[in-house]
Amino acid sequence: MVEGLPQTAVVFHVAASINLDASLKDALDINAKGTLNVLNLCQKMAQLQALVHVSSAYSNCNRDFIAEKIYPTLAPLDAVYHLLENGLDSPLTRNVVDKRPNNYTYTKAVAEELVAHERGRVPAAIVRPTIIISSKSEPAQGWVDNWGGANGPIVGMGKGLVRTWPAAPDTMIDFVPVDMVANLLIAVAWDTHVRNSRGDKEVKVYNCSCGVKNPLTSRNFLRTCLHYTRKHQFRNVLWYPTLLMTDKKLLMWTVTYLLEILPAVVIDVIGWLFRREPRYCKILHSIETSQAAKFFECCMETIRENIGTIMIEKQKKLLKLRSVLEYFTLHQFTFLDYNVAGLRKTMSLEDRSIFDFNMNNIDWDSFIETYVIGLRKYLLKEDPGDELQ
């Protein structure tokens, strides 16, 4: 790699830790120091034309209204590390996170500042995708290769395992297809090179979002997903797919205990009595999470001691995912995307067609159908043509 540095023209920096539970130091080491290392490496590339740094639209989720600009964090990176090295990881150090729900989003904001600081030394731009979902068309419709974001919960809903979800029904939820994000990254690299060759050293920010141009509410997304998980049924469904979507926590957790946790425990205890693998809870674990995890663990300690861990540890992870996502599903964010729109106008008609990142081109109903089929085909490895009767 070092030998090839002089010939390197374009760098896409997409590496990051997306562990929302990482300690502040671990998250900074990967997301901030890692970015700093890439910037230092880029300065050794004599032919570099563009560095495209992939951030997150939620790096500034302590704001409701997010423009395409760098928002300063509360303390320099060196100062934060000084606090950490002196054992001041709470509560003083946590204040620098500035009302963000986790260390991941904060460290992505720090990384943006580091990229902006290299203005004039490294030709760079920043792309902020919202929640990345399956592909619109490339490499195939509905292609998906991970359980992150909405994928796990939607599979759980289709299996009849997830029966509740925290969301304000009329809140806009922001998804962007993975192939359209890739197209934008390529276009941004081109634009950064063109601007840099003209002497424009600005580190431009591009919010990759559908919310302003092609809005989708939580209600419409979940109802449409529910419709197509019924139409294209998954194998080994435990219950008929249903979902309660609410922003009332008491109602949500009451239903969660009655319709998710209690059946999981009953089925796995019965399985244990017959010396069978606790399959239900194993599946359930990979789909959601919450604050109720601690309460649930206390209630289940006796079962843990008598029949082993069964679903306890897995269910804790399930509940934890839900609590992590609550902040984002219950908040309304507005992402301005003037730079993205302006970039599209500078492209030829042919390039706009090849490198399509126009969110207006998404028909959500048909897209969500291919998304559900893609979950079956690529994650569950089920034949989409094998419909259950």
Protein backbone atom coordinates (compact mmCIF):
# COMPACT_ATOMS: atom_id res chain seq x y z
CA MET A 1 0.00 0.00 0.00
CA VAL A 2 2.80 2.43 0.89
CA GLU A 3 4.51 1.80 -2.47
CA GLY A 4 1.28 2.73 -4.27
CA LEU A 5 0.68 5.99 -2.44
CA PRO A 6 2.17 8.33 -5.09
CA GLN A 7 -0.25 6.96 -7.71
CA THR A 8 -3.39 7.09 -5.53
CA ALA A 9 -5.90 9.64 -6.87
CA VAL A 10 -9.11 9.02 -4.92
CA VAL A 11 -9.69 7.81 -1.35
CA PHE A 12 -13.07 6.77 0.07
CA HIS A 13 -12.88 6.66 3.85
CA VAL A 14 -15.85 4.52 4.95
CA ALA A 15 -14.30 2.63 7.88
CA ALA A 16 -15.79 3.28 11.31
CA SER A 17 -17.00 1.63 14.47
CA ILE A 18 -20.79 1.66 14.56
CA ASN A 19 -20.92 0.12 18.03
CA LEU A 20 -23.38 2.39 19.80
CA ASP A 21 -22.24 1.02 23.17
CA ALA A 22 -18.52 1.65 22.72
CA SER A 23 -16.73 3.58 25.45
CA LEU A 24 -15.77 7.13 24.60
CA LYS A 25 -12.10 6.22 24.35
CA ASP A 26 -12.70 3.21 22.08
CA ALA A 27 -15.02 5.19 19.82
CA LEU A 28 -12.51 8.06 19.59
CA ASP A 29 -9.63 5.68 18.86
CA ILE A 30 -11.44 4.22 15.85
CA ASN A 31 -13.62 7.02 14.50
CA ALA A 32 -11.48 10.07 15.31
CA LYS A 33 -7.88 8.80 15.47
CA GLY A 34 -8.61 6.47 12.56
CA THR A 35 -9.71 9.47 10.49
CA LEU A 36 -6.61 11.39 11.56
CA ASN A 37 -4.44 8.49 10.38
CA VAL A 38 -6.18 8.51 6.99
CA LEU A 39 -5.64 12.27 6.66
CA ASN A 40 -1.95 11.88 7.46
CA LEU A 41 -1.72 9.11 4.87
CA CYS A 42 -3.47 11.28 2.27
CA GLN A 43 -0.84 13.99 2.67
CA LYS A 44 1.73 11.51 1.33
CA MET A 45 -0.28 10.98 -1.88
CA ALA A 46 1.22 13.30 -4.46
CA GLN A 47 -1.50 12.60 -7.04
CA LEU A 48 -4.49 12.75 -4.66
CA GLN A 49 -7.50 14.43 -6.28
CA ALA A 50 -10.21 13.71 -3.70
CA LEU A 51 -10.78 12.27 -0.24
CA VAL A 52 -14.43 11.45 0.38
CA HIS A 53 -15.07 10.97 4.09
CA VAL A 54 -18.27 9.09 4.95
CA SER A 55 -19.80 10.43 8.15
CA SER A 56 -23.37 10.09 9.45
CA ALA A 57 -26.36 12.38 9.12
CA TYR A 58 -26.85 11.76 12.85
CA SER A 59 -23.41 13.06 13.84
CA ASN A 60 -25.25 16.19 14.95
CA CYS A 61 -28.41 14.52 16.24
CA ASN A 62 -28.39 16.90 19.22
CA ARG A 63 -30.00 19.28 16.71
CA ASP A 64 -33.37 18.95 15.01
CA PHE A 65 -32.42 21.02 11.97
CA ILE A 66 -29.19 19.94 10.29
CA ALA A 67 -27.61 21.94 7.47
CA GLU A 68 -24.74 20.95 5.19
CA LYS A 69 -22.00 22.47 7.31
CA ILE A 70 -19.54 21.48 10.03
CA TYR A 71 -20.88 22.01 13.54
CA PRO A 72 -18.12 22.55 16.14
CA THR A 73 -17.89 20.18 19.09
CA LEU A 74 -17.41 21.45 22.63
CA ALA A 75 -13.75 20.53 23.13
CA PRO A 76 -10.63 19.84 21.03
CA LEU A 77 -9.73 16.19 20.55
CA ASP A 78 -6.48 16.57 22.53
CA ALA A 79 -8.37 18.03 25.48
CA VAL A 80 -10.83 15.14 25.52
CA TYR A 81 -8.00 12.59 25.47
CA HIS A 82 -6.31 14.47 28.31
CA LEU A 83 -9.44 14.06 30.42
CA LEU A 84 -9.68 10.37 29.54
CA GLU A 85 -6.01 9.71 30.31
CA ASN A 86 -6.43 11.32 33.71
CA GLY A 87 -9.34 9.09 34.62
CA LEU A 88 -12.02 11.73 34.19
CA ASP A 89 -14.35 9.65 32.04
CA SER A 90 -17.39 10.76 34.07
CA PRO A 91 -19.28 12.91 34.38
CA LEU A 92 -17.11 15.76 33.08
CA THR A 93 -15.91 14.01 29.94
CA ARG A 94 -19.43 12.87 29.04
CA ASN A 95 -20.46 16.52 28.87
CA VAL A 96 -18.45 16.93 25.66
CA VAL A 97 -20.86 14.57 23.94
CA ASP A 98 -23.29 17.51 24.15
CA LYS A 99 -26.67 15.80 24.56
CA ARG A 100 -26.02 13.17 21.91
CA PRO A 101 -27.46 9.74 22.77
CA ASN A 102 -24.21 7.81 22.32
CA ASN A 103 -20.47 8.11 21.77
CA TYR A 104 -20.71 6.97 18.14
CA THR A 105 -22.55 10.07 16.95
CA TYR A 106 -20.20 12.36 18.91
CA THR A 107 -17.04 10.80 17.51
CA LYS A 108 -18.39 11.07 13.97
CA ALA A 109 -18.82 14.82 14.58
CA VAL A 110 -15.22 15.00 15.86
CA ALA A 111 -14.02 13.22 12.71
CA GLU A 112 -15.79 15.81 10.55
CA GLU A 113 -13.92 18.59 12.34
CA LEU A 114 -10.62 16.82 11.73
CA VAL A 115 -11.35 16.56 7.99
CA ALA A 116 -12.38 20.23 7.82
CA HIS A 117 -9.17 21.24 9.63
CA GLU A 118 -7.12 19.87 6.70
CA ARG A 119 -8.71 22.38 4.31
CA GLY A 120 -6.12 23.37 1.72
CA ARG A 121 -3.82 20.44 2.51
CA VAL A 122 -6.12 17.60 1.51
CA PRO A 123 -8.84 17.95 -1.19
CA ALA A 124 -11.73 16.56 0.84
CA ALA A 125 -15.50 16.37 1.08
CA ILE A 126 -17.89 14.84 3.62
CA VAL A 127 -20.96 12.74 2.84
CA ARG A 128 -23.55 12.16 5.56
CA PRO A 129 -25.99 9.33 4.79
CA THR A 130 -29.04 8.80 6.98
CA ILE A 131 -30.15 5.19 7.61
CA ILE A 132 -28.78 3.01 4.81
CA ILE A 133 -31.18 0.36 3.59
CA SER A 134 -31.24 -2.22 0.78
CA SER A 135 -30.39 -1.39 -2.83
CA LYS A 136 -32.78 0.18 -5.29
CA SER A 137 -31.29 -1.48 -8.37
CA GLU A 138 -27.60 -2.42 -8.03
CA PRO A 139 -26.17 -5.03 -7.74
CA ALA A 140 -29.78 -6.29 -7.67
CA GLN A 141 -33.10 -4.98 -6.43
CA GLY A 142 -33.46 -5.44 -2.68
CA TRP A 143 -29.85 -6.54 -2.13
CA VAL A 144 -28.80 -6.40 1.53
CA ASP A 145 -25.95 -8.08 3.41
CA ASN A 146 -26.31 -7.17 7.09
CA TRP A 147 -28.72 -7.17 10.02
CA GLY A 148 -28.16 -3.53 10.95
CA GLY A 149 -30.55 -0.60 10.93
CA ALA A 150 -34.15 -1.59 10.24
CA ASN A 151 -33.31 -5.00 8.80
CA GLY A 152 -33.37 -7.06 12.01
CA PRO A 153 -36.60 -5.55 13.37
CA ILE A 154 -38.43 -5.98 10.06
CA VAL A 155 -37.36 -9.64 9.82
CA GLY A 156 -38.54 -10.04 13.41
CA MET A 157 -41.88 -8.49 12.53
CA GLY A 158 -42.23 -10.82 9.54
CA LYS A 159 -41.46 -13.82 11.77
CA GLY A 160 -44.10 -12.69 14.27
CA LEU A 161 -41.45 -12.11 16.95
CA VAL A 162 -41.44 -8.31 17.10
CA ARG A 163 -44.93 -7.15 18.04
CA THR A 164 -44.23 -3.60 19.25
CA TRP A 165 -42.01 -0.76 18.12
CA PRO A 166 -41.32 2.71 19.60
CA ALA A 167 -42.17 5.37 17.02
CA ALA A 168 -44.21 8.51 16.66
CA PRO A 169 -46.52 7.54 13.75
CA ASP A 170 -46.28 10.86 11.88
CA THR A 171 -42.55 11.36 12.39
CA MET A 172 -40.53 11.21 9.18
CA ILE A 173 -38.16 8.27 9.00
CA ASP A 174 -35.16 8.72 6.71
CA PHE A 175 -33.85 5.81 4.62
CA VAL A 176 -31.43 5.91 1.68
CA PRO A 177 -30.75 2.92 -0.64
CA VAL A 178 -27.17 1.68 -0.43
CA ASP A 179 -26.53 1.89 -4.18
CA MET A 180 -27.70 5.51 -4.31
CA VAL A 181 -25.27 6.35 -1.49
CA ALA A 182 -22.47 4.71 -3.50
CA ASN A 183 -23.45 6.73 -6.57
CA LEU A 184 -23.32 9.94 -4.55
CA LEU A 185 -19.86 9.09 -3.20
CA ILE A 186 -18.52 8.68 -6.74
CA ALA A 187 -20.13 11.94 -7.90
CA VAL A 188 -18.75 13.80 -4.87
CA ALA A 189 -15.24 12.53 -5.62
CA TRP A 190 -15.54 13.86 -9.17
CA ASP A 191 -16.90 17.22 -7.98
CA THR A 192 -14.16 17.57 -5.34
CA HIS A 193 -11.50 17.05 -8.01
CA VAL A 194 -13.13 19.59 -10.34
CA ARG A 195 -13.47 22.20 -7.59
CA ASN A 196 -9.93 21.62 -6.33
CA SER A 197 -8.48 22.04 -9.84
CA ARG A 198 -10.19 25.44 -9.95
CA GLY A 199 -8.65 26.49 -6.66
CA ASP A 200 -11.78 25.86 -4.53
CA LYS A 201 -10.42 24.31 -1.33
CA GLU A 202 -13.72 24.24 0.59
CA VAL A 203 -14.54 21.00 2.41
CA LYS A 204 -18.11 20.57 1.23
CA VAL A 205 -20.69 18.62 3.19
CA TYR A 206 -23.44 16.58 1.48
CA ASN A 207 -26.47 15.38 3.46
CA CYS A 208 -27.64 12.18 1.78
CA SER A 209 -31.28 12.12 2.81
CA CYS A 210 -34.76 11.48 1.44
CA GLY A 211 -36.71 13.41 4.08
CA VAL A 212 -37.03 16.76 2.32
CA LYS A 213 -37.45 15.52 -1.26
CA ASN A 214 -39.37 12.28 -0.79
CA PRO A 215 -40.64 12.03 2.80
CA LEU A 216 -41.71 8.76 4.41
CA THR A 217 -43.48 8.57 7.76
CA SER A 218 -42.88 5.86 10.33
CA ARG A 219 -46.54 4.88 10.01
CA ASN A 220 -46.35 4.39 6.23
CA PHE A 221 -43.04 2.55 6.37
CA LEU A 222 -44.08 0.07 9.07
CA ARG A 223 -47.58 -0.49 7.66
CA THR A 224 -46.17 -1.12 4.19
CA CYS A 225 -43.54 -3.49 5.59
CA LEU A 226 -46.27 -5.30 7.52
CA HIS A 227 -48.38 -5.62 4.38
CA TYR A 228 -45.54 -7.14 2.36
CA THR A 229 -44.32 -9.47 5.11
CA ARG A 230 -47.84 -10.89 5.02
CA LYS A 231 -47.87 -11.07 1.24
CA HIS A 232 -44.38 -12.58 1.00
CA GLN A 233 -44.47 -14.73 4.11
CA PHE A 234 -41.25 -15.85 5.75
CA ARG A 235 -40.70 -19.48 6.66
CA ASN A 236 -41.15 -20.75 10.22
CA VAL A 237 -43.38 -17.87 11.28
CA LEU A 238 -44.29 -18.11 14.95
CA TRP A 239 -47.23 -15.67 14.98
CA TYR A 240 -49.15 -13.91 12.25
CA PRO A 241 -47.26 -10.62 11.64
CA THR A 242 -48.80 -7.75 13.63
CA LEU A 243 -47.27 -4.60 15.07
CA LEU A 244 -48.20 -2.00 17.66
CA MET A 245 -46.44 1.28 16.91
CA THR A 246 -46.64 3.81 19.72
CA ASP A 247 -44.71 6.60 21.41
CA LYS A 248 -46.38 5.75 24.76
CA LYS A 249 -43.70 3.89 26.71
CA LEU A 250 -46.01 2.34 29.31
CA LEU A 251 -48.26 0.87 26.62
CA MET A 252 -45.31 -0.32 24.57
CA TRP A 253 -43.58 -2.14 27.41
CA THR A 254 -46.80 -3.66 28.72
CA VAL A 255 -47.45 -5.20 25.32
CA THR A 256 -43.77 -6.14 24.96
CA TYR A 257 -43.84 -8.19 28.16
CA LEU A 258 -47.14 -9.85 27.32
CA LEU A 259 -46.60 -10.58 23.63
CA GLU A 260 -42.82 -10.90 23.26
CA ILE A 261 -40.98 -11.66 26.49
CA LEU A 262 -43.54 -13.92 28.19
CA PRO A 263 -44.12 -16.16 25.13
CA ALA A 264 -40.36 -16.40 24.61
CA VAL A 265 -39.80 -17.57 28.17
CA VAL A 266 -42.70 -20.03 28.11
CA ILE A 267 -41.66 -21.61 24.81
CA ASP A 268 -38.00 -21.90 25.79
CA VAL A 269 -38.80 -23.35 29.22
CA ILE A 270 -41.00 -25.96 27.53
CA GLY A 271 -38.17 -26.64 25.11
CA TRP A 272 -35.76 -27.05 28.02
CA LEU A 273 -38.10 -29.51 29.71
CA PHE A 274 -37.99 -31.62 26.57
CA ARG A 275 -34.23 -31.03 26.27
CA ARG A 276 -34.58 -29.01 23.09
CA GLU A 277 -32.56 -26.03 21.97
CA PRO A 278 -34.22 -22.70 23.03
CA ARG A 279 -34.70 -21.74 19.40
CA TYR A 280 -37.38 -19.08 19.81
CA CYS A 281 -35.30 -16.86 22.03
CA LYS A 282 -32.20 -17.31 19.95
CA ILE A 283 -34.05 -15.92 16.95
CA LEU A 284 -35.69 -13.19 19.00
CA HIS A 285 -32.36 -12.01 20.36
CA SER A 286 -31.01 -10.89 17.01
CA ILE A 287 -33.85 -8.52 16.31
CA GLU A 288 -34.43 -5.79 18.95
CA THR A 289 -33.57 -4.24 22.71
CA SER A 290 -34.12 -1.73 25.91
CA GLN A 291 -33.95 -0.22 29.36
CA ALA A 292 -36.18 -3.10 30.38
CA ALA A 293 -33.16 -5.36 30.00
CA LYS A 294 -32.04 -4.80 33.59
CA PHE A 295 -35.50 -5.40 35.00
CA PHE A 296 -35.91 -8.46 32.81
CA GLU A 297 -32.60 -9.92 33.97
CA CYS A 298 -33.58 -9.55 37.63
CA CYS A 299 -36.92 -11.22 37.04
CA MET A 300 -35.28 -14.12 35.21
CA GLU A 301 -32.35 -14.76 37.59
CA THR A 302 -34.01 -17.83 39.07
CA ILE A 303 -34.58 -19.36 35.65
CA ARG A 304 -31.00 -18.53 34.72
CA GLU A 305 -29.69 -20.41 37.75
CA ASN A 306 -31.88 -23.47 37.16
CA ILE A 307 -31.89 -23.99 33.43
CA GLY A 308 -28.88 -22.00 32.22
CA THR A 309 -28.75 -18.78 30.26
CA ILE A 310 -31.26 -19.93 27.58
CA MET A 311 -32.53 -16.64 26.15
CA ILE A 312 -31.58 -14.29 28.95
CA GLU A 313 -28.36 -12.87 27.53
CA LYS A 314 -29.77 -12.86 24.01
CA GLN A 315 -32.99 -11.16 25.08
CA LYS A 316 -30.97 -8.48 26.87
CA LYS A 317 -29.28 -7.65 23.56
CA LEU A 318 -32.65 -7.62 21.85
CA LEU A 319 -34.07 -5.15 24.34
CA LYS A 320 -30.96 -3.03 24.20
CA LEU A 321 -31.21 -2.47 20.44
CA ARG A 322 -34.72 -1.16 20.90
CA SER A 323 -33.65 1.34 23.55
CA VAL A 324 -30.77 2.52 21.35
CA LEU A 325 -33.07 3.10 18.38
CA GLU A 326 -35.79 4.80 20.44
CA TYR A 327 -33.98 8.15 20.37
CA PHE A 328 -34.00 8.18 16.57
CA THR A 329 -37.49 6.74 16.00
CA LEU A 330 -39.11 9.20 18.40
CA HIS A 331 -37.33 12.35 17.18
CA GLN A 332 -38.01 14.40 14.08
CA PHE A 333 -34.92 15.49 12.13
CA THR A 334 -34.72 17.76 9.11
CA PHE A 335 -31.68 17.37 6.84
CA LEU A 336 -31.10 20.09 4.26
CA ASP A 337 -29.56 18.84 1.01
CA TYR A 338 -28.88 21.89 -1.16
CA ASN A 339 -25.33 20.76 -1.97
CA VAL A 340 -26.60 17.36 -3.13
CA ALA A 341 -29.19 19.05 -5.36
CA GLY A 342 -26.58 21.47 -6.70
CA LEU A 343 -24.18 18.63 -7.51
CA ARG A 344 -26.84 16.80 -9.48
CA LYS A 345 -27.43 19.92 -11.61
CA THR A 346 -23.76 20.05 -12.63
CA MET A 347 -23.87 16.50 -13.98
CA SER A 348 -24.78 15.54 -17.53
CA LEU A 349 -28.05 13.74 -18.18
CA GLU A 350 -26.14 10.55 -18.92
CA ASP A 351 -24.20 10.74 -15.66
CA ARG A 352 -27.37 11.48 -13.70
CA SER A 353 -28.81 8.26 -15.09
CA ILE A 354 -25.71 6.15 -14.44
CA PHE A 355 -24.95 7.60 -11.01
CA ASP A 356 -28.49 8.08 -9.79
CA PHE A 357 -28.87 9.54 -6.29
CA ASN A 358 -32.11 11.44 -6.86
CA MET A 359 -34.36 10.36 -4.00
CA ASN A 360 -37.40 11.58 -5.95
CA ASN A 361 -36.95 8.51 -8.15
CA ILE A 362 -37.95 6.18 -5.31
CA ASP A 363 -41.49 4.81 -5.27
CA TRP A 364 -41.70 3.78 -1.63
CA ASP A 365 -44.42 1.18 -2.05
CA SER A 366 -42.61 -0.82 -4.73
CA PHE A 367 -39.23 -0.21 -3.07
CA ILE A 368 -40.44 -1.61 0.27
CA GLU A 369 -41.83 -4.69 -1.48
CA THR A 370 -38.45 -5.44 -3.05
CA TYR A 371 -36.85 -4.65 0.34
CA VAL A 372 -38.94 -7.32 2.08
CA ILE A 373 -38.25 -9.82 -0.69
CA GLY A 374 -34.55 -8.97 -0.39
CA LEU A 375 -34.60 -9.69 3.34
CA ARG A 376 -36.00 -13.14 2.57
CA LYS A 377 -33.55 -13.84 -0.23
CA TYR A 378 -30.27 -12.37 1.02
CA LEU A 379 -30.55 -12.51 4.82
CA LEU A 380 -32.81 -15.49 5.46
CA LYS A 381 -31.61 -17.38 2.36
CA GLU A 382 -35.19 -18.25 1.43
CA ASP A 383 -36.43 -18.62 -2.11
CA PRO A 384 -38.63 -15.53 -2.75
CA GLY A 385 -40.75 -17.61 -5.11
CA ASP A 386 -41.50 -20.15 -2.39
CA GLU A 387 -44.56 -18.47 -0.91
CA LEU A 388 -46.16 -20.08 2.10
CA GLN A 389 -49.82 -20.82 1.83
